[in-house]
């Protein structure tokens, strides 16, 4: 899936189109368009997208405020989170959980900060 934010939350390479929630919009980004979120409750909902055992998450972020927890990506079904990446007080924090009968044996994150 690739969400380029070109005026919507459509998946450019697949069928996992998302929806802009709670006032989320698109705006000029670093390259092309970007999602514009207010940091309170705006989000892009892509539904229950199960990722393969290996995957890449790529995001450019430009937060106005770095206090508190600011989620970048999360899989959350309201009762449990499978994985999430967030910024908290200038620190980028990746977390991986498995709430199924099969635990995650290895959850590895590689970062490239520019």
Protein backbone atom coordinates (compact mmCIF):
# COMPACT_ATOMS: atom_id res chain seq x y z
CA UNK A 1 0.00 0.00 0.00
CA UNK A 2 1.13 3.56 -0.69
CA UNK A 3 -0.79 6.58 0.54
CA UNK A 4 0.48 9.64 -1.33
CA UNK A 5 -2.23 12.03 -0.01
CA UNK A 6 -2.95 13.45 -3.44
CA UNK A 7 -6.24 15.02 -2.32
CA UNK A 8 -7.53 11.80 -0.74
CA UNK A 9 -6.51 8.72 1.26
CA UNK A 10 -6.52 6.27 -1.64
CA UNK A 11 -3.98 3.45 -1.93
CA UNK A 12 -2.01 4.14 -5.12
CA UNK A 13 -0.84 0.53 -5.55
CA UNK A 14 -3.59 -1.59 -4.06
CA UNK A 15 -7.17 -1.78 -2.92
CA UNK A 16 -6.73 -0.61 0.68
CA UNK A 17 -8.20 2.87 0.31
CA UNK A 18 -8.44 4.87 3.51
CA UNK A 19 -10.72 7.63 4.73
CA UNK A 20 -9.82 10.99 6.21
CA UNK A 21 -11.26 11.15 9.76
CA UNK A 22 -12.14 13.95 12.21
CA UNK A 23 -11.04 16.86 10.03
CA UNK A 24 -7.92 15.32 8.47
CA UNK A 25 -7.08 17.01 5.17
CA UNK A 26 -4.31 17.11 2.59
CA UNK A 27 -1.88 19.99 2.11
CA UNK A 28 1.38 20.81 0.36
CA UNK A 29 4.07 18.39 1.56
CA UNK A 30 7.81 17.91 1.24
CA UNK A 31 7.24 16.16 -2.09
CA UNK A 32 3.76 16.51 -3.59
CA UNK A 33 0.89 16.41 -1.12
CA UNK A 34 0.80 15.31 2.54
CA UNK A 35 -1.77 14.49 5.17
CA UNK A 36 -2.47 17.44 7.46
CA UNK A 37 -3.48 16.35 10.97
CA UNK A 38 -4.20 18.59 13.98
CA UNK A 39 -2.55 16.36 16.60
CA UNK A 40 -5.75 15.97 18.60
CA UNK A 41 -7.86 13.33 16.85
CA UNK A 42 -7.38 13.65 13.08
CA UNK A 43 -6.33 10.42 11.39
CA UNK A 44 -6.34 8.41 8.20
CA UNK A 45 -8.21 5.16 8.75
CA UNK A 46 -7.17 2.32 6.47
CA UNK A 47 -9.20 -0.32 8.24
CA UNK A 48 -7.86 -3.66 9.37
CA UNK A 49 -4.80 -4.01 7.17
CA UNK A 50 -2.74 -7.03 8.19
CA UNK A 51 0.91 -6.61 7.34
CA UNK A 52 3.19 -9.43 6.19
CA UNK A 53 5.94 -10.74 8.46
CA UNK A 54 8.39 -8.22 6.95
CA UNK A 55 7.32 -4.74 5.92
CA UNK A 56 8.50 -1.15 5.61
CA UNK A 57 6.84 1.95 7.02
CA UNK A 58 7.96 5.26 5.55
CA UNK A 59 6.77 8.62 6.84
CA UNK A 60 7.89 12.24 6.74
CA UNK A 61 6.64 14.08 9.79
CA UNK A 62 6.74 17.77 10.67
CA UNK A 63 5.07 18.19 14.07
CA UNK A 64 4.15 21.64 15.37
CA UNK A 65 4.22 20.37 18.96
CA UNK A 66 6.48 17.67 20.37
CA UNK A 67 4.97 17.36 23.81
CA UNK A 68 2.80 14.42 24.70
CA UNK A 69 2.32 11.33 22.60
CA UNK A 70 1.87 11.88 18.84
CA UNK A 71 1.15 8.68 16.92
CA UNK A 72 2.64 8.32 13.44
CA UNK A 73 1.16 4.91 12.68
CA UNK A 74 -0.84 2.47 14.75
CA UNK A 75 -2.87 -0.66 14.32
CA UNK A 76 -5.46 -0.37 17.04
CA UNK A 77 -8.78 -2.17 17.26
CA UNK A 78 -9.87 -0.29 20.41
CA UNK A 79 -9.11 -3.28 22.63
CA UNK A 80 -5.47 -3.93 21.69
CA UNK A 81 -2.67 -2.44 19.60
CA UNK A 82 -0.66 -4.71 17.33
CA UNK A 83 2.04 -2.16 16.55
CA UNK A 84 2.63 1.55 16.67
CA UNK A 85 5.27 4.20 16.14
CA UNK A 86 4.97 7.51 17.94
CA UNK A 87 6.87 10.62 18.98
CA UNK A 88 7.02 11.45 22.68
CA UNK A 89 9.00 14.46 23.95
CA UNK A 90 11.41 14.51 20.97
CA UNK A 91 11.93 10.72 21.03
CA UNK A 92 10.80 8.38 18.25
CA UNK A 93 9.40 5.25 19.86
CA UNK A 94 8.56 2.04 17.98
CA UNK A 95 6.56 -0.62 19.79
CA UNK A 96 5.39 -4.00 18.57
CA UNK A 97 2.86 -6.17 20.33
CA UNK A 98 0.97 -9.29 19.47
CA UNK A 99 -2.35 -9.98 21.17
CA UNK A 100 -2.97 -13.19 19.31
CA UNK A 101 -2.01 -16.75 20.22
CA UNK A 102 1.10 -16.42 18.06
CA UNK A 103 3.59 -14.02 19.64
CA UNK A 104 5.92 -11.85 17.66
CA UNK A 105 9.30 -13.57 17.92
CA UNK A 106 11.35 -10.68 16.66
CA UNK A 107 10.23 -7.12 16.04
CA UNK A 108 13.06 -5.08 14.58
CA UNK A 109 13.08 -1.42 13.69
CA UNK A 110 15.66 0.37 11.56
CA UNK A 111 15.52 4.16 11.43
CA UNK A 112 16.96 6.66 9.03
CA UNK A 113 16.61 10.16 10.44
CA UNK A 114 17.33 12.99 8.03
